[in-house]
C-alpha cells in the first residue's frame, strides 16, 4: 500500500513538472535575459603618408565623435617593418618582423600629436633608398588588446633634393608679390604634379596657409596686407608619387614690409545665379582693406571685357540685366579703395555661366 502511494506521489510530481514546462513553452517566458550589445569596433579607413627630408609622417582620423578624448577607450600603435624595394605588393606574404611604437592615446598622444581630428606621428628612423611597410593597430586602452588594424601602406624612401631656390618678395600698391625659381634637374620625378604651399605670418602669429591646394605657379600675390606692416613668408614644394606626398625643403623670407598705401584685396569668393531680372552676381566681402565699393566686370563671348557699373557698387549682389540669352559669360569683381586718392585693387578669379534666363519682354510691355 505504501509503495503504491509513493508511486502515485511520484507520478503526480512528474505530471506537475511537465505541465509547468508546457506552460512555459506556450507563450509564457522565463525571466528576461539582457541582450549583450557590442559596441562597434573603431575602424581606420585610411592612413595618410607624407615623406619629408627628415622622416615619414603618418596620420589617420581618430574614429570618434567625442573630440575631448578623455573617456576614449582605445589607443593606437604604429607597426613598421623593412621590406624589399621591389616586393612592395606582397601584402599576403608571411608575417613580418614588426617593430612597434608605444600605444598613443588621443588625450595624451606625445610623441604623436592631434591636428584637426587626426593623430599624426613621424618616423625619423629611416634610410634613403630603402622601403618600409607601416600599419596602425587599434587596441583596448586598459588591456592593450589589439582589436583591429588598418590596411598596410608601403613607402619607398626617395632622396629629396632642392626643388626650388631663390625666394624673393617685393611690395607693390596691390600687395606683396612672393616669387621663386625651381630646380629642373631635381624636379624630374615631380613631372606635372609639382605644387607649392605658401604660408605667411606677422609678428608672433602662427603660420597660416594662404595658397590654394595644388598651387603650381612660381609666384604669389598677397593682397591681404596692412599698410606698413611686416610679414614673413614660407614656400614649400611638394609632389605626388606612389600614392604619397613628397615634400621638399621649405624656403623662408622674413620682414617684408608692405607699402604704406595698399589697394584693397578682391572679394574672397564670387558666384552667379539666374534671377527674375537677370544674372545675379554675388560675392563675399574681403578681409581687411578700406573699401568704398566694388566694380563688376563681364567677359564677353568674344573675349573682350566690359565694366558693368558706372559708380562703385556698395554691396552684393549686382544684377546684370543686359546679358543675352543662351550666351556664356565670365564675371569678376574688384574692390575700390575708400582713401581720398582712390584706387582699384586686383579683380577676383573669373567665373563662367551660361545665361539660360529668357525674359519675355512682350509680356512685360503688356
Protein backbone atom coordinates (compact mmCIF):
# COMPACT_ATOMS: atom_id res chain seq x y z
CA UNK A 1 0.00 0.00 0.00
CA UNK A 2 2.80 2.40 0.92
CA UNK A 3 4.63 1.52 -2.28
CA UNK A 4 1.54 2.35 -4.34
CA UNK A 5 1.13 5.69 -2.58
CA UNK A 6 4.75 6.55 -3.25
CA UNK A 7 4.32 5.69 -6.90
CA UNK A 8 1.17 7.82 -7.10
CA UNK A 9 3.00 10.78 -5.49
CA UNK A 10 5.94 10.47 -7.86
CA UNK A 11 3.61 10.31 -10.86
CA UNK A 12 1.77 13.47 -9.74
CA UNK A 13 5.08 15.29 -9.31
CA UNK A 14 6.16 14.35 -12.85
CA UNK A 15 2.82 15.47 -14.29
CA UNK A 16 3.09 18.77 -12.43
CA UNK A 17 6.61 19.38 -13.75
CA UNK A 18 5.54 18.55 -17.32
CA UNK A 19 2.60 20.95 -17.00
CA UNK A 20 4.88 23.71 -15.80
CA UNK A 21 7.30 23.17 -18.68
CA UNK A 22 4.38 23.05 -21.12
CA UNK A 23 3.06 26.37 -19.87
CA UNK A 24 6.48 27.91 -20.12
CA UNK A 25 6.75 26.74 -23.71
CA UNK A 26 3.33 28.06 -24.75
CA UNK A 27 4.00 31.76 -24.81
CA UNK A 28 4.90 32.21 -21.14
CA UNK A 29 8.60 33.08 -20.88
CA UNK A 30 11.01 32.94 -18.01
CA UNK A 31 12.91 35.91 -16.56
CA UNK A 32 14.25 38.19 -19.38
CA UNK A 33 17.94 37.92 -20.13
CA UNK A 34 19.55 41.29 -21.03
CA UNK A 35 20.89 41.34 -24.58
CA UNK A 36 24.62 41.77 -24.99
CA UNK A 37 25.16 44.92 -27.04
CA UNK A 38 28.61 45.06 -28.53
CA UNK A 39 29.94 48.50 -29.33
CA UNK A 40 31.08 48.76 -32.92
CA UNK A 41 34.85 48.44 -33.13
CA UNK A 42 36.69 51.53 -34.34
CA UNK A 43 37.96 51.36 -37.90
CA UNK A 44 40.77 53.29 -39.55
CA UNK A 45 39.62 53.94 -43.10
CA UNK A 46 42.88 55.35 -44.43
CA UNK A 47 46.43 56.10 -43.34
CA UNK A 48 47.80 59.26 -44.97
CA UNK A 49 51.53 59.32 -45.78
CA UNK A 50 53.86 62.31 -46.23
CA UNK A 51 57.57 61.89 -46.94
CA UNK A 52 59.78 64.72 -45.63
CA UNK A 53 63.56 65.11 -45.79
CA UNK A 54 63.69 64.22 -42.07
CA UNK A 55 61.19 61.35 -41.91
CA UNK A 56 57.92 59.65 -42.81
CA UNK A 57 54.77 61.25 -41.38
CA UNK A 58 51.72 59.03 -40.86
CA UNK A 59 48.29 60.38 -39.96
CA UNK A 60 44.78 59.00 -39.58
CA UNK A 61 41.43 60.21 -38.35
CA UNK A 62 40.53 59.20 -34.81
CA UNK A 63 37.25 57.24 -35.17
CA UNK A 64 35.09 59.00 -32.57
CA UNK A 65 32.60 61.85 -32.32
CA UNK A 66 33.83 62.87 -28.85
CA UNK A 67 36.69 65.27 -29.52
CA UNK A 68 37.57 65.66 -25.84
CA UNK A 69 39.08 62.13 -25.89
CA UNK A 70 39.06 62.00 -22.07
CA UNK A 71 36.99 58.79 -21.92
CA UNK A 72 38.13 57.33 -25.22
CA UNK A 73 38.63 53.57 -24.63
CA UNK A 74 41.16 52.91 -27.39
CA UNK A 75 44.76 53.74 -28.26
CA UNK A 76 46.85 53.38 -31.43
CA UNK A 77 50.12 51.62 -32.17
CA UNK A 78 52.21 52.08 -35.32
CA UNK A 79 53.89 48.94 -36.59
CA UNK A 80 56.81 49.11 -39.02
CA UNK A 81 58.84 46.53 -40.95
CA UNK A 82 61.54 46.87 -43.61
CA UNK A 83 60.64 45.22 -46.92
CA UNK A 84 62.27 44.59 -50.27
CA UNK A 85 62.30 47.64 -52.59
CA UNK A 86 60.79 45.62 -55.46
CA UNK A 87 58.44 43.44 -53.43
CA UNK A 88 56.08 46.12 -52.26
CA UNK A 89 52.92 44.38 -53.50
CA UNK A 90 53.40 41.17 -51.47
CA UNK A 91 50.97 42.09 -48.70
CA UNK A 92 49.86 38.45 -48.18
CA UNK A 93 53.38 37.14 -47.55
CA UNK A 94 54.28 35.52 -44.18
CA UNK A 95 54.15 37.90 -41.28
CA UNK A 96 57.00 40.38 -41.00
CA UNK A 97 59.25 41.23 -38.02
CA UNK A 98 57.19 44.25 -36.99
CA UNK A 99 58.66 46.94 -34.79
CA UNK A 100 56.05 48.62 -32.59
CA UNK A 101 55.68 52.07 -31.05
CA UNK A 102 54.00 52.76 -27.74
CA UNK A 103 50.20 52.89 -27.77
CA UNK A 104 49.23 56.53 -28.42
CA UNK A 105 46.09 57.76 -26.67
CA UNK A 106 44.48 60.88 -28.24
CA UNK A 107 44.11 62.59 -24.84
CA UNK A 108 47.88 62.40 -24.20
CA UNK A 109 49.42 61.49 -27.59
CA UNK A 110 53.06 62.56 -27.10
CA UNK A 111 55.32 61.95 -29.06
CA UNK A 112 52.49 61.91 -31.58
CA UNK A 113 50.08 64.87 -31.81
CA UNK A 114 46.48 65.70 -32.67
CA UNK A 115 45.78 68.03 -35.63
CA UNK A 116 42.27 68.68 -36.99
CA UNK A 117 40.90 65.40 -35.65
CA UNK A 118 43.87 63.39 -36.90
CA UNK A 119 46.54 61.53 -34.99
CA UNK A 120 49.93 62.50 -36.50
CA UNK A 121 53.22 60.65 -35.92
CA UNK A 122 56.59 60.99 -37.66
CA UNK A 123 59.15 58.22 -38.08
CA UNK A 124 62.62 59.76 -38.23
CA UNK A 125 64.46 56.42 -38.19
CA UNK A 126 64.55 55.84 -41.93
CA UNK A 127 67.29 55.23 -44.51
CA UNK A 128 67.28 56.60 -48.06
CA UNK A 129 66.78 54.04 -50.86
CA UNK A 130 65.10 51.57 -48.53
CA UNK A 131 61.43 50.61 -48.28
CA UNK A 132 59.16 50.15 -45.27
CA UNK A 133 55.69 48.83 -44.57
CA UNK A 134 53.51 50.51 -41.94
CA UNK A 135 50.19 49.69 -40.37
CA UNK A 136 48.21 51.16 -37.46
CA UNK A 137 46.53 48.91 -34.91
CA UNK A 138 43.71 49.87 -32.55
CA UNK A 139 43.94 48.42 -29.04
CA UNK A 140 41.82 48.39 -25.92
CA UNK A 141 43.38 51.07 -23.72
CA UNK A 142 43.15 49.07 -20.49
CA UNK A 143 44.18 45.60 -21.62
CA UNK A 144 46.30 46.64 -24.66
CA UNK A 145 44.45 44.00 -26.69
CA UNK A 146 44.56 44.53 -30.47
CA UNK A 147 41.04 44.96 -31.84
CA UNK A 148 41.62 45.91 -35.47
CA UNK A 149 44.32 47.13 -37.83
CA UNK A 150 44.50 49.44 -40.83
CA UNK A 151 45.45 48.30 -44.31
CA UNK A 152 49.25 48.29 -44.66
CA UNK A 153 50.95 51.10 -46.58
CA UNK A 154 54.31 50.74 -48.35
CA UNK A 155 56.74 53.65 -48.54
CA UNK A 156 59.89 53.96 -50.64
CA UNK A 157 62.38 56.44 -49.19
CA UNK A 158 63.48 58.51 -52.17
CA UNK A 159 66.33 61.01 -51.92
CA UNK A 160 64.85 64.51 -51.79
CA UNK A 161 66.92 67.26 -53.37
CA UNK A 162 66.35 71.02 -53.52
CA UNK A 163 63.28 71.53 -55.71
CA UNK A 164 63.32 75.33 -55.56
CA UNK A 165 65.68 78.22 -54.88
CA UNK A 166 66.00 82.00 -54.67
CA UNK A 167 62.86 83.08 -52.83
CA UNK A 168 62.25 86.83 -53.16
CA UNK A 169 59.48 89.27 -52.24
CA UNK A 170 58.62 92.85 -53.19
CA UNK A 171 55.94 95.32 -52.16
CA UNK A 172 53.55 96.94 -54.65
CA UNK A 173 50.41 99.04 -54.46
CA UNK A 174 48.37 95.86 -54.91
CA UNK A 175 50.12 93.90 -52.16
CA UNK A 176 53.27 91.80 -51.64
CA UNK A 177 54.48 89.60 -54.50
CA UNK A 178 56.44 86.48 -53.50
CA UNK A 179 58.46 84.79 -56.28
CA UNK A 180 60.73 81.75 -56.56
CA UNK A 181 62.62 79.58 -59.06
CA UNK A 182 62.53 75.81 -59.44
CA UNK A 183 65.46 73.41 -59.96
CA UNK A 184 64.70 71.48 -63.18
CA UNK A 185 67.15 68.62 -62.55
CA UNK A 186 65.78 67.83 -59.08
CA UNK A 187 62.16 68.15 -60.25
CA UNK A 188 62.23 65.41 -62.90
CA UNK A 189 60.37 62.97 -60.64
CA UNK A 190 57.68 65.56 -59.98
CA UNK A 191 56.74 65.77 -63.68
CA UNK A 192 53.46 67.73 -63.87
CA UNK A 193 52.48 67.39 -60.20
CA UNK A 194 54.95 69.85 -58.64
CA UNK A 195 52.97 72.18 -56.37
CA UNK A 196 53.74 74.75 -53.67
CA UNK A 197 52.33 75.51 -50.24
CA UNK A 198 52.58 79.22 -49.45
CA UNK A 199 52.31 80.29 -45.81
CA UNK A 200 52.55 83.66 -44.09
CA UNK A 201 52.65 85.18 -40.63
CA UNK A 202 53.13 88.56 -38.99
CA UNK A 203 54.99 89.01 -35.72
CA UNK A 204 54.26 86.21 -33.25
CA UNK A 205 51.26 84.89 -35.19
CA UNK A 206 51.29 81.19 -36.18
CA UNK A 207 51.92 80.22 -39.80
CA UNK A 208 48.80 80.30 -41.96
CA UNK A 209 48.39 78.65 -45.38
CA UNK A 210 47.31 81.27 -47.94
CA UNK A 211 47.67 79.37 -51.23
CA UNK A 212 45.03 77.07 -52.64
CA UNK A 213 45.53 73.31 -52.91
CA UNK A 214 47.84 72.12 -55.73
CA UNK A 215 49.11 75.67 -56.34
CA UNK A 216 51.52 75.40 -59.31
CA UNK A 217 52.52 78.98 -60.09
CA UNK A 218 56.00 80.23 -59.19
CA UNK A 219 54.72 83.50 -57.71
CA UNK A 220 52.03 84.55 -55.28
CA UNK A 221 50.36 87.95 -54.85
CA UNK A 222 49.28 88.57 -51.27
CA UNK A 223 46.60 91.25 -51.37
CA UNK A 224 45.52 90.80 -47.72
CA UNK A 225 48.18 93.02 -46.15
CA UNK A 226 48.04 96.13 -43.99
CA UNK A 227 49.99 99.22 -44.99
CA UNK A 228 53.40 99.49 -43.31
CA UNK A 229 53.18 96.07 -41.58
CA UNK A 230 55.93 93.40 -41.65
CA UNK A 231 55.28 89.86 -42.93
CA UNK A 232 57.15 86.55 -43.16
CA UNK A 233 56.59 84.06 -45.99
CA UNK A 234 57.41 80.36 -46.30
CA UNK A 235 57.12 78.32 -49.50
CA UNK A 236 57.36 74.50 -49.52
CA UNK A 237 57.43 72.42 -52.75
CA UNK A 238 55.74 69.02 -52.95
CA UNK A 239 54.57 66.40 -55.45
CA UNK A 240 52.75 63.08 -55.57
CA UNK A 241 54.42 59.73 -56.25
CA UNK A 242 53.44 56.11 -55.43
CA UNK A 243 50.29 57.42 -53.74
CA UNK A 244 52.21 59.51 -51.17
CA UNK A 245 53.07 63.20 -50.91
CA UNK A 246 56.80 64.03 -51.08
CA UNK A 247 57.79 67.38 -49.54
CA UNK A 248 60.92 69.32 -50.34
CA UNK A 249 62.93 71.74 -48.27
CA UNK A 250 60.94 74.85 -47.25
CA UNK A 251 62.28 78.32 -48.09
CA UNK A 252 61.52 81.39 -46.00
CA UNK A 253 61.83 85.15 -46.34
CA UNK A 254 61.22 87.44 -43.36
CA UNK A 255 60.30 91.01 -42.51
CA UNK A 256 58.80 92.05 -45.84
CA UNK A 257 57.25 95.47 -45.32
CA UNK A 258 54.03 96.33 -47.10
CA UNK A 259 53.72 99.74 -48.69
CA UNK A 260 52.04 102.43 -46.64
CA UNK A 261 49.25 102.71 -49.19
CA UNK A 262 47.93 99.33 -50.33
CA UNK A 263 44.94 98.82 -52.61
CA UNK A 264 42.11 96.72 -51.14
CA UNK A 265 42.01 92.97 -51.80
CA UNK A 266 39.41 91.41 -54.12
CA UNK A 267 36.34 89.54 -52.85
CA UNK A 268 37.19 86.09 -51.50
CA UNK A 269 34.50 84.23 -53.44
CA UNK A 270 32.16 85.02 -56.31
CA UNK A 271 29.19 83.15 -57.76
CA UNK A 272 26.45 83.89 -60.34
CA UNK A 273 22.85 82.65 -60.37
CA UNK A 274 19.87 83.38 -62.67
CA UNK A 275 17.29 85.73 -61.18
CA UNK A 276 13.94 87.26 -62.12
CA UNK A 277 15.53 90.36 -63.68
CA UNK A 278 18.81 88.93 -64.98
CA UNK A 279 22.01 87.25 -63.85
CA UNK A 280 22.76 87.95 -60.17
CA UNK A 281 26.46 88.37 -59.34
CA UNK A 282 27.19 87.62 -55.66
CA UNK A 283 30.43 87.88 -53.67
CA UNK A 284 31.83 87.71 -50.16
CA UNK A 285 33.45 90.83 -48.73
CA UNK A 286 37.24 90.51 -48.39
CA UNK A 287 39.06 90.57 -45.07
CA UNK A 288 40.83 93.84 -44.37
CA UNK A 289 41.29 96.88 -46.57
CA UNK A 290 39.46 100.20 -46.72
CA UNK A 291 36.66 99.60 -49.25
CA UNK A 292 34.21 102.14 -50.67
CA UNK A 293 32.53 99.74 -53.11
CA UNK A 294 33.06 97.26 -55.91
CA UNK A 295 33.42 97.15 -59.69
CA UNK A 296 31.78 94.31 -61.61
CA UNK A 297 33.31 93.08 -64.89
CA UNK A 298 31.89 90.84 -67.59
CA UNK A 299 33.87 88.88 -70.15
CA UNK A 300 32.01 88.77 -73.46
CA UNK A 301 31.73 85.64 -75.66
CA UNK A 302 34.37 87.20 -77.98
CA UNK A 303 36.83 87.57 -75.06
CA UNK A 304 36.51 91.34 -74.59
CA UNK A 305 35.95 92.69 -71.04
CA UNK A 306 33.50 95.43 -70.04
CA UNK A 307 32.77 97.09 -66.72
CA UNK A 308 29.05 96.91 -65.93
CA UNK A 309 28.71 99.68 -63.33
CA UNK A 310 29.30 103.44 -63.67
CA UNK A 311 29.80 104.04 -59.94
CA UNK A 312 31.15 101.59 -57.31
CA UNK A 313 28.51 99.09 -56.21
CA UNK A 314 28.07 99.39 -52.41
CA UNK A 315 27.42 95.68 -51.75
CA UNK A 316 26.49 92.30 -53.21
CA UNK A 317 24.60 91.33 -55.33
CA UNK A 318 24.78 93.10 -58.70
CA UNK A 319 22.09 92.25 -61.28
CA UNK A 320 23.24 92.11 -64.90
CA UNK A 321 20.11 92.98 -66.92
CA UNK A 322 21.93 93.26 -70.27
CA UNK A 323 23.14 89.66 -70.63
CA UNK A 324 21.76 87.99 -73.76
CA UNK A 325 20.04 84.58 -73.55
CA UNK A 326 21.97 81.38 -74.33
CA UNK A 327 25.39 83.09 -74.13
CA UNK A 328 28.38 82.11 -71.97
CA UNK A 329 29.76 84.98 -69.88
CA UNK A 330 32.56 85.36 -67.34
CA UNK A 331 32.28 87.59 -64.27
CA UNK A 332 34.85 89.07 -61.87
CA UNK A 333 34.68 91.70 -59.10
CA UNK A 334 37.28 94.15 -57.78
CA UNK A 335 37.35 96.35 -54.66
CA UNK A 336 37.59 100.16 -54.76
CA UNK A 337 39.56 101.94 -52.04
CA UNK A 338 37.89 104.45 -49.74
CA UNK A 339 41.09 106.52 -49.44
CA UNK A 340 40.80 110.08 -50.80
CA UNK A 341 43.26 109.19 -53.56
CA UNK A 342 41.01 106.29 -54.59
CA UNK A 343 42.37 103.30 -56.44
CA UNK A 344 41.14 99.90 -57.53
CA UNK A 345 42.58 96.56 -56.43
CA UNK A 346 43.03 93.43 -58.50
CA UNK A 347 40.00 91.52 -59.72
CA UNK A 348 38.77 88.29 -58.22
CA UNK A 349 39.03 84.99 -60.07
CA UNK A 350 36.69 84.70 -63.04
CA UNK A 351 33.60 82.51 -63.01
CA UNK A 352 31.69 81.42 -66.11
CA UNK A 353 27.98 80.82 -66.57
CA UNK A 354 25.62 80.21 -69.47
CA UNK A 355 22.67 82.61 -69.40
CA UNK A 356 19.51 80.49 -69.50
CA UNK A 357 17.41 83.49 -68.47
CA UNK A 358 14.70 84.06 -71.15
CA UNK A 359 12.67 87.00 -70.02
CA UNK A 360 9.51 87.55 -72.12
CA UNK A 361 9.76 91.22 -72.99
CA UNK A 362 6.48 91.18 -74.90
CA UNK A 363 4.58 90.16 -71.78
CA UNK A 364 6.48 92.78 -69.83
CA UNK A 365 5.32 95.51 -72.22
CA UNK A 366 1.70 94.42 -71.79
